[in-house]
Amino acid sequence: MPQITIERSPRLDHVDWEEFALALHPVVVETAAAKLEACKTRVLRTEDEAVGGEKENHAIVNVSVALLAGRSEETKAKLTEAVVDLLRKHVGPTDGLTVHLSAEVRDLDPSYTKVVL
């Protein structure tokens, strides 16, 4: 915990996603009282995407942060806003593209189990 997943458009290959993840972890720690060594991020490059009736001229990024239950709705909302603000800094406007940035913070299912080998 936290389990962070970034789904991002291939049109955003120019972004250093590892740098973004490393910048995101301290934000999660500060905002949601997580431990830095517990933050894990996967970046998934999508292949096919469409927005509205178009396949071109759009890029999509969605960040999902899954935390152990117990954070208030206010804390989750604050973290969501912080994630989007950080995305704005790392992605920025891209010529010729409308970039859609989104984030969500949710509770992990109570069945969540972790093992480190």
C-alpha atoms as a PDB file:
ATOM      1  CA  MET A   1       0.000   0.000   0.000  1.00  0.00           C
ATOM      2  CA  PRO A   2      -0.390   2.478  -1.681  1.00  0.00           C
ATOM      3  CA  GLN A   3      -0.924   0.796  -5.038  1.00  0.00           C
ATOM      4  CA  ILE A   4      -0.687   3.448  -7.759  1.00  0.00           C
ATOM      5  CA  THR A   5      -1.534   2.837 -11.398  1.00  0.00           C
ATOM      6  CA  ILE A   6      -0.941   5.347 -14.167  1.00  0.00           C
ATOM      7  CA  GLU A   7      -2.704   4.652 -17.454  1.00  0.00           C
ATOM      8  CA  ARG A   8      -1.373   6.956 -20.130  1.00  0.00           C
ATOM      9  CA  SER A   9      -1.639   7.648 -23.817  1.00  0.00           C
ATOM     10  CA  PRO A  10       1.150   6.686 -26.239  1.00  0.00           C
ATOM     11  CA  ARG A  11       0.943  10.296 -27.438  1.00  0.00           C
ATOM     12  CA  LEU A  12       2.657  11.235 -24.160  1.00  0.00           C
ATOM     13  CA  ASP A  13       5.840   9.188 -24.614  1.00  0.00           C
ATOM     14  CA  HIS A  14       7.880  12.376 -24.109  1.00  0.00           C
ATOM     15  CA  VAL A  15       6.924  12.539 -20.407  1.00  0.00           C
ATOM     16  CA  ASP A  16       9.368  10.982 -17.924  1.00  0.00           C
ATOM     17  CA  TRP A  17       6.834   8.790 -16.101  1.00  0.00           C
ATOM     18  CA  GLU A  18       9.358   7.369 -13.658  1.00  0.00           C
ATOM     19  CA  GLU A  19      10.252  10.931 -12.612  1.00  0.00           C
ATOM     20  CA  PHE A  20       6.545  11.665 -12.177  1.00  0.00           C
ATOM     21  CA  ALA A  21       6.109   8.544 -10.005  1.00  0.00           C
ATOM     22  CA  LEU A  22       9.075   9.474  -7.827  1.00  0.00           C
ATOM     23  CA  ALA A  23       7.639  12.977  -7.395  1.00  0.00           C
ATOM     24  CA  LEU A  24       4.197  11.548  -6.611  1.00  0.00           C
ATOM     25  CA  HIS A  25       5.287   9.249  -3.787  1.00  0.00           C
ATOM     26  CA  PRO A  26       6.198  12.047  -1.323  1.00  0.00           C
ATOM     27  CA  VAL A  27       2.875  13.757  -2.114  1.00  0.00           C
ATOM     28  CA  VAL A  28       1.023  10.566  -1.170  1.00  0.00           C
ATOM     29  CA  VAL A  29       3.095  10.255   2.011  1.00  0.00           C
ATOM     30  CA  GLU A  30       2.449  13.847   3.059  1.00  0.00           C
ATOM     31  CA  THR A  31      -1.227  13.942   2.153  1.00  0.00           C
ATOM     32  CA  ALA A  32      -2.418  10.465   3.133  1.00  0.00           C
ATOM     33  CA  ALA A  33       0.032   9.503   5.899  1.00  0.00           C
ATOM     34  CA  ALA A  34       1.485   6.625   3.888  1.00  0.00           C
ATOM     35  CA  LYS A  35       5.036   5.308   4.171  1.00  0.00           C
ATOM     36  CA  LEU A  36       7.418   6.165   1.338  1.00  0.00           C
ATOM     37  CA  GLU A  37       8.800   2.622   1.130  1.00  0.00           C
ATOM     38  CA  ALA A  38       5.238   1.303   0.715  1.00  0.00           C
ATOM     39  CA  CYS A  39       4.465   3.396  -2.393  1.00  0.00           C
ATOM     40  CA  LYS A  40       4.431   1.314  -5.556  1.00  0.00           C
ATOM     41  CA  THR A  41       3.625   2.696  -9.000  1.00  0.00           C
ATOM     42  CA  ARG A  42       2.986   0.959 -12.307  1.00  0.00           C
ATOM     43  CA  VAL A  43       2.814   2.916 -15.553  1.00  0.00           C
ATOM     44  CA  LEU A  44       0.665   1.325 -18.236  1.00  0.00           C
ATOM     45  CA  ARG A  45       0.887   2.607 -21.798  1.00  0.00           C
ATOM     46  CA  THR A  46      -2.460   2.292 -23.530  1.00  0.00           C
ATOM     47  CA  GLU A  47      -2.716   1.446 -27.212  1.00  0.00           C
ATOM     48  CA  ASP A  48      -6.217   2.211 -28.411  1.00  0.00           C
ATOM     49  CA  GLU A  49      -8.212   5.167 -27.177  1.00  0.00           C
ATOM     50  CA  ALA A  50     -10.981   7.479 -28.257  1.00  0.00           C
ATOM     51  CA  VAL A  51     -12.543  10.590 -26.769  1.00  0.00           C
ATOM     52  CA  GLY A  52     -16.076  11.404 -27.797  1.00  0.00           C
ATOM     53  CA  GLY A  53     -16.309  10.668 -31.498  1.00  0.00           C
ATOM     54  CA  GLU A  54     -12.582  11.082 -32.200  1.00  0.00           C
ATOM     55  CA  LYS A  55      -9.520   8.861 -32.257  1.00  0.00           C
ATOM     56  CA  GLU A  56      -7.028  11.645 -32.977  1.00  0.00           C
ATOM     57  CA  ASN A  57      -5.826  14.840 -31.302  1.00  0.00           C
ATOM     58  CA  HIS A  58      -6.421  13.627 -27.743  1.00  0.00           C
ATOM     59  CA  ALA A  59      -4.222  12.175 -25.013  1.00  0.00           C
ATOM     60  CA  ILE A  60      -5.437  10.587 -21.795  1.00  0.00           C
ATOM     61  CA  VAL A  61      -3.815  10.126 -18.390  1.00  0.00           C
ATOM     62  CA  ASN A  62      -5.599   8.578 -15.433  1.00  0.00           C
ATOM     63  CA  VAL A  63      -3.950   7.993 -12.060  1.00  0.00           C
ATOM     64  CA  SER A  64      -5.562   5.596  -9.608  1.00  0.00           C
ATOM     65  CA  VAL A  65      -4.304   5.562  -6.019  1.00  0.00           C
ATOM     66  CA  ALA A  66      -5.523   2.662  -3.883  1.00  0.00           C
ATOM     67  CA  LEU A  67      -5.007   3.022  -0.129  1.00  0.00           C
ATOM     68  CA  LEU A  68      -5.815   0.926   2.898  1.00  0.00           C
ATOM     69  CA  ALA A  69      -9.194   1.984   4.265  1.00  0.00           C
ATOM     70  CA  GLY A  70      -9.406   4.638   6.933  1.00  0.00           C
ATOM     71  CA  ARG A  71      -8.721   7.940   5.180  1.00  0.00           C
ATOM     72  CA  SER A  72     -11.456  10.549   5.267  1.00  0.00           C
ATOM     73  CA  GLU A  73     -13.237  11.658   2.114  1.00  0.00           C
ATOM     74  CA  GLU A  74     -11.593  15.059   2.637  1.00  0.00           C
ATOM     75  CA  THR A  75      -8.117  13.454   2.626  1.00  0.00           C
ATOM     76  CA  LYS A  76      -8.913  11.475  -0.521  1.00  0.00           C
ATOM     77  CA  ALA A  77     -10.203  14.608  -2.273  1.00  0.00           C
ATOM     78  CA  LYS A  78      -7.108  16.571  -1.231  1.00  0.00           C
ATOM     79  CA  LEU A  79      -4.850  13.808  -2.591  1.00  0.00           C
ATOM     80  CA  THR A  80      -6.804  13.645  -5.850  1.00  0.00           C
ATOM     81  CA  GLU A  81      -6.313  17.375  -6.386  1.00  0.00           C
ATOM     82  CA  ALA A  82      -2.616  17.107  -5.530  1.00  0.00           C
ATOM     83  CA  VAL A  83      -2.186  14.296  -8.075  1.00  0.00           C
ATOM     84  CA  VAL A  84      -3.852  16.338 -10.828  1.00  0.00           C
ATOM     85  CA  ASP A  85      -1.749  19.401  -9.953  1.00  0.00           C
ATOM     86  CA  LEU A  86       1.422  17.308 -10.174  1.00  0.00           C
ATOM     87  CA  LEU A  87       0.275  15.843 -13.508  1.00  0.00           C
ATOM     88  CA  ARG A  88      -0.172  19.377 -14.865  1.00  0.00           C
ATOM     89  CA  LYS A  89       3.443  20.174 -13.979  1.00  0.00           C
ATOM     90  CA  HIS A  90       4.872  17.020 -15.556  1.00  0.00           C
ATOM     91  CA  VAL A  91       2.645  16.659 -18.617  1.00  0.00           C
ATOM     92  CA  GLY A  92       1.885  20.274 -19.462  1.00  0.00           C
ATOM     93  CA  PRO A  93       0.161  21.376 -22.661  1.00  0.00           C
ATOM     94  CA  THR A  94       1.156  19.463 -25.777  1.00  0.00           C
ATOM     95  CA  ASP A  95       0.908  21.087 -29.209  1.00  0.00           C
ATOM     96  CA  GLY A  96      -1.970  19.768 -31.272  1.00  0.00           C
ATOM     97  CA  LEU A  97      -3.408  17.636 -28.456  1.00  0.00           C
ATOM     98  CA  THR A  98      -6.184  18.050 -25.980  1.00  0.00           C
ATOM     99  CA  VAL A  99      -4.810  16.341 -22.875  1.00  0.00           C
ATOM    100  CA  HIS A 100      -7.315  14.815 -20.447  1.00  0.00           C
ATOM    101  CA  LEU A 101      -5.903  14.411 -16.929  1.00  0.00           C
ATOM    102  CA  SER A 102      -7.799  12.583 -14.201  1.00  0.00           C
ATOM    103  CA  ALA A 103      -7.196  10.921 -10.862  1.00  0.00           C
ATOM    104  CA  GLU A 104      -9.052   8.947  -8.256  1.00  0.00           C
ATOM    105  CA  VAL A 105      -8.239   7.805  -4.757  1.00  0.00           C
ATOM    106  CA  ARG A 106     -10.045   4.745  -3.472  1.00  0.00           C
ATOM    107  CA  ASP A 107      -9.888   2.211  -0.673  1.00  0.00           C
ATOM    108  CA  LEU A 108      -8.288  -1.158  -1.260  1.00  0.00           C
ATOM    109  CA  ASP A 109     -10.606  -4.108  -0.850  1.00  0.00           C
ATOM    110  CA  PRO A 110     -10.415  -5.658   2.630  1.00  0.00           C
ATOM    111  CA  SER A 111      -9.063  -8.825   0.981  1.00  0.00           C
ATOM    112  CA  TYR A 112      -5.873  -6.999  -0.073  1.00  0.00           C
ATOM    113  CA  THR A 113      -2.766  -8.928   0.951  1.00  0.00           C
ATOM    114  CA  LYS A 114       0.882  -8.117   0.312  1.00  0.00           C
ATOM    115  CA  VAL A 115       3.989 -10.282   0.512  1.00  0.00           C
ATOM    116  CA  VAL A 116       7.552  -9.091  -0.052  1.00  0.00           C
ATOM    117  CA  LEU A 117      10.077 -11.756  -1.024  1.00  0.00           C
END
